[in-house]
C-alpha atoms as a PDB file:
ATOM      1  CA  MET A   1      18.509  26.676 -34.025  1.00  0.00           C
ATOM      2  CA  SER A   2      18.926  24.766 -30.789  1.00  0.00           C
ATOM      3  CA  ILE A   3      18.749  26.554 -27.471  1.00  0.00           C
ATOM      4  CA  PRO A   4      21.859  26.085 -25.322  1.00  0.00           C
ATOM      5  CA  GLN A   5      21.452  24.249 -22.034  1.00  0.00           C
ATOM      6  CA  GLU A   6      22.462  27.420 -20.172  1.00  0.00           C
ATOM      7  CA  ALA A   7      19.501  29.282 -21.644  1.00  0.00           C
ATOM      8  CA  LYS A   8      17.150  26.438 -20.736  1.00  0.00           C
ATOM      9  CA  MET A   9      18.325  26.622 -17.134  1.00  0.00           C
ATOM     10  CA  MET A  10      18.004  30.404 -17.009  1.00  0.00           C
ATOM     11  CA  TYR A  11      14.632  30.687 -18.720  1.00  0.00           C
ATOM     12  CA  PRO A  12      12.703  27.457 -18.208  1.00  0.00           C
ATOM     13  CA  ASP A  13       9.356  29.075 -19.079  1.00  0.00           C
ATOM     14  CA  GLU A  14      10.647  30.889 -22.155  1.00  0.00           C
ATOM     15  CA  THR A  15      12.989  28.508 -23.953  1.00  0.00           C
ATOM     16  CA  ARG A  16      10.756  28.487 -27.022  1.00  0.00           C
ATOM     17  CA  SER A  17      10.608  32.285 -27.270  1.00  0.00           C
ATOM     18  CA  ILE A  18      14.373  32.903 -27.190  1.00  0.00           C
ATOM     19  CA  ARG A  19      15.502  33.720 -30.714  1.00  0.00           C
ATOM     20  CA  GLY A  20      19.203  34.084 -30.002  1.00  0.00           C
ATOM     21  CA  VAL A  21      21.741  36.370 -28.389  1.00  0.00           C
ATOM     22  CA  VAL A  22      22.829  39.730 -29.766  1.00  0.00           C
ATOM     23  CA  LEU A  23      25.584  41.934 -28.344  1.00  0.00           C
ATOM     24  CA  VAL A  24      24.879  45.632 -29.009  1.00  0.00           C
ATOM     25  CA  THR A  25      28.037  47.733 -28.731  1.00  0.00           C
ATOM     26  CA  ALA A  26      28.111  51.500 -28.240  1.00  0.00           C
ATOM     27  CA  ALA A  27      24.669  51.178 -26.680  1.00  0.00           C
ATOM     28  CA  GLY A  28      24.967  54.329 -24.582  1.00  0.00           C
ATOM     29  CA  GLY A  29      23.241  56.477 -27.192  1.00  0.00           C
ATOM     30  CA  GLU A  30      19.664  56.696 -28.373  1.00  0.00           C
ATOM     31  CA  GLN A  31      20.218  54.496 -31.425  1.00  0.00           C
ATOM     32  CA  GLY A  32      21.802  51.755 -29.289  1.00  0.00           C
ATOM     33  CA  ARG A  33      18.918  51.959 -26.815  1.00  0.00           C
ATOM     34  CA  ARG A  34      16.326  51.676 -29.585  1.00  0.00           C
ATOM     35  CA  THR A  35      18.135  48.753 -31.183  1.00  0.00           C
ATOM     36  CA  ALA A  36      18.381  46.899 -27.871  1.00  0.00           C
ATOM     37  CA  GLN A  37      14.700  47.522 -27.079  1.00  0.00           C
ATOM     38  CA  GLU A  38      13.560  46.334 -30.514  1.00  0.00           C
ATOM     39  CA  LEU A  39      15.598  43.144 -30.139  1.00  0.00           C
ATOM     40  CA  LEU A  40      14.196  42.519 -26.662  1.00  0.00           C
ATOM     41  CA  ASP A  41      10.659  43.128 -27.927  1.00  0.00           C
ATOM     42  CA  SER A  42      11.304  40.595 -30.713  1.00  0.00           C
ATOM     43  CA  GLY A  43      12.327  37.843 -28.289  1.00  0.00           C
ATOM     44  CA  TRP A  44      16.127  38.103 -28.428  1.00  0.00           C
ATOM     45  CA  CYS A  45      18.454  37.977 -25.444  1.00  0.00           C
ATOM     46  CA  VAL A  46      20.474  41.178 -25.569  1.00  0.00           C
ATOM     47  CA  ALA A  47      23.803  42.187 -24.090  1.00  0.00           C
ATOM     48  CA  VAL A  48      24.493  45.911 -24.236  1.00  0.00           C
ATOM     49  CA  THR A  49      27.781  47.623 -23.672  1.00  0.00           C
ATOM     50  CA  ALA A  50      28.921  51.208 -23.309  1.00  0.00           C
ATOM     51  CA  ARG A  51      32.053  52.799 -21.950  1.00  0.00           C
ATOM     52  CA  THR A  52      30.526  53.837 -18.620  1.00  0.00           C
ATOM     53  CA  VAL A  53      27.954  52.619 -16.127  1.00  0.00           C
ATOM     54  CA  ALA A  54      26.297  56.048 -16.353  1.00  0.00           C
ATOM     55  CA  GLU A  55      25.672  55.563 -20.092  1.00  0.00           C
ATOM     56  CA  LEU A  56      24.152  52.153 -19.429  1.00  0.00           C
ATOM     57  CA  ALA A  57      22.017  53.454 -16.555  1.00  0.00           C
ATOM     58  CA  ARG A  58      20.598  56.113 -18.851  1.00  0.00           C
ATOM     59  CA  ILE A  59      19.353  53.556 -21.420  1.00  0.00           C
ATOM     60  CA  MET A  60      18.160  50.820 -19.038  1.00  0.00           C
ATOM     61  CA  PRO A  61      14.822  52.178 -17.748  1.00  0.00           C
ATOM     62  CA  GLY A  62      11.919  50.278 -19.241  1.00  0.00           C
ATOM     63  CA  MET A  63      13.990  47.371 -20.541  1.00  0.00           C
ATOM     64  CA  SER A  64      13.195  43.825 -19.493  1.00  0.00           C
ATOM     65  CA  GLY A  65      15.916  42.525 -17.185  1.00  0.00           C
ATOM     66  CA  HIS A  66      15.594  38.765 -17.554  1.00  0.00           C
ATOM     67  CA  ARG A  67      16.885  38.698 -21.151  1.00  0.00           C
ATOM     68  CA  LEU A  68      19.206  41.681 -20.787  1.00  0.00           C
ATOM     69  CA  LEU A  69      22.813  41.978 -19.678  1.00  0.00           C
ATOM     70  CA  ALA A  70      24.545  45.354 -19.412  1.00  0.00           C
ATOM     71  CA  VAL A  71      28.341  45.528 -19.192  1.00  0.00           C
ATOM     72  CA  ALA A  72      30.466  48.668 -19.073  1.00  0.00           C
ATOM     73  CA  ALA A  73      33.600  48.111 -21.142  1.00  0.00           C
ATOM     74  CA  ASP A  74      36.138  50.154 -23.064  1.00  0.00           C
ATOM     75  CA  PRO A  75      36.223  48.694 -26.591  1.00  0.00           C
ATOM     76  CA  THR A  76      39.785  49.936 -27.126  1.00  0.00           C
ATOM     77  CA  ASP A  77      41.079  47.791 -24.253  1.00  0.00           C
ATOM     78  CA  PRO A  78      41.538  44.176 -25.420  1.00  0.00           C
ATOM     79  CA  ARG A  79      41.274  42.829 -21.850  1.00  0.00           C
ATOM     80  CA  GLN A  80      37.958  44.559 -21.280  1.00  0.00           C
ATOM     81  CA  VAL A  81      36.679  43.262 -24.627  1.00  0.00           C
ATOM     82  CA  GLU A  82      37.642  39.698 -23.685  1.00  0.00           C
ATOM     83  CA  THR A  83      35.981  40.110 -20.274  1.00  0.00           C
ATOM     84  CA  LEU A  84      32.862  41.447 -21.991  1.00  0.00           C
ATOM     85  CA  LEU A  85      32.678  38.409 -24.274  1.00  0.00           C
ATOM     86  CA  ASP A  86      33.296  36.078 -21.312  1.00  0.00           C
ATOM     87  CA  ARG A  87      30.446  37.661 -19.346  1.00  0.00           C
ATOM     88  CA  VAL A  88      28.003  37.444 -22.238  1.00  0.00           C
ATOM     89  CA  LEU A  89      28.910  33.800 -22.866  1.00  0.00           C
ATOM     90  CA  ALA A  90      28.654  32.990 -19.156  1.00  0.00           C
ATOM     91  CA  ARG A  91      25.185  34.517 -18.979  1.00  0.00           C
ATOM     92  CA  PHE A  92      23.657  33.349 -22.256  1.00  0.00           C
ATOM     93  CA  GLY A  93      25.891  30.508 -23.465  1.00  0.00           C
ATOM     94  CA  ARG A  94      26.442  31.941 -26.927  1.00  0.00           C
ATOM     95  CA  ILE A  95      26.582  35.080 -29.065  1.00  0.00           C
ATOM     96  CA  ASP A  96      24.790  34.970 -32.409  1.00  0.00           C
ATOM     97  CA  SER A  97      25.562  38.476 -33.607  1.00  0.00           C
ATOM     98  CA  VAL A  98      27.417  41.664 -32.689  1.00  0.00           C
ATOM     99  CA  LEU A  99      25.833  44.964 -33.712  1.00  0.00           C
ATOM    100  CA  GLY A 100      27.189  48.480 -33.378  1.00  0.00           C
ATOM    101  CA  ALA A 101      30.026  50.777 -34.165  1.00  0.00           C
ATOM    102  CA  GLU A 102      32.736  49.121 -32.072  1.00  0.00           C
ATOM    103  CA  SER A 103      34.557  46.987 -34.641  1.00  0.00           C
ATOM    104  CA  SER A 104      37.142  45.849 -32.063  1.00  0.00           C
ATOM    105  CA  VAL A 105      34.413  43.920 -30.219  1.00  0.00           C
ATOM    106  CA  ALA A 106      33.094  42.322 -33.416  1.00  0.00           C
ATOM    107  CA  SER A 107      36.641  41.400 -34.464  1.00  0.00           C
ATOM    108  CA  ALA A 108      37.380  39.753 -31.109  1.00  0.00           C
ATOM    109  CA  TRP A 109      34.090  37.827 -31.306  1.00  0.00           C
ATOM    110  CA  ARG A 110      34.873  36.618 -34.855  1.00  0.00           C
ATOM    111  CA  ARG A 111      38.384  35.520 -33.839  1.00  0.00           C
ATOM    112  CA  ARG A 112      36.939  33.622 -30.909  1.00  0.00           C
ATOM    113  CA  SER A 113      34.231  32.027 -33.066  1.00  0.00           C
ATOM    114  CA  VAL A 114      36.751  30.900 -35.679  1.00  0.00           C
ATOM    115  CA  SER A 115      39.042  29.532 -32.974  1.00  0.00           C
ATOM    116  CA  GLN A 116      36.222  27.608 -31.322  1.00  0.00           C
ATOM    117  CA  GLY A 117      35.049  26.321 -34.695  1.00  0.00           C
ATOM    118  CA  SER A 118      38.555  25.071 -35.498  1.00  0.00           C
ATOM    119  CA  GLU A 119      38.777  23.331 -32.132  1.00  0.00           C
ATOM    120  CA  ALA A 120      35.387  21.702 -32.717  1.00  0.00           C
ATOM    121  CA  SER A 121      36.457  20.575 -36.220  1.00  0.00           C
ATOM    122  CA  GLN A 122      39.684  19.131 -34.866  1.00  0.00           C
ATOM    123  CA  GLY A 123      37.769  17.333 -32.159  1.00  0.00           C
ATOM    124  CA  ASN A 124      35.339  15.884 -34.718  1.00  0.00           C
ATOM    125  CA  ALA A 125      38.194  14.837 -36.995  1.00  0.00           C
ATOM    126  CA  ALA A 126      39.845  12.955 -34.136  1.00  0.00           C
ATOM    127  CA  ALA A 127      36.658  11.069 -33.268  1.00  0.00           C
END
């Protein structure tokens, strides 16, 4: 798995330890917090999302900030979901997996991945 250039710029001392990027949805609860912490401890970059800043603030203490992004977003609002994905991609350059109960976020990520894959295939076919 190659590390995107964005990650190399963000983490020049840790490019070898970055395993990938995981977006944890519905992270405002204890299970989401534990999942995010385990991923961080295992070397993943982690984006967490919950409906409110207060939920995110409750789970953040003790988490490493340099590989963590927290975004408050309502998963039932398609615009907020798209903004969430944009922010994660802007920060980490990619999303390798989406975990959690919010299927609308995972669905939007899959649609985007398929769309980008089709564009890449079309670009390769034209070359």
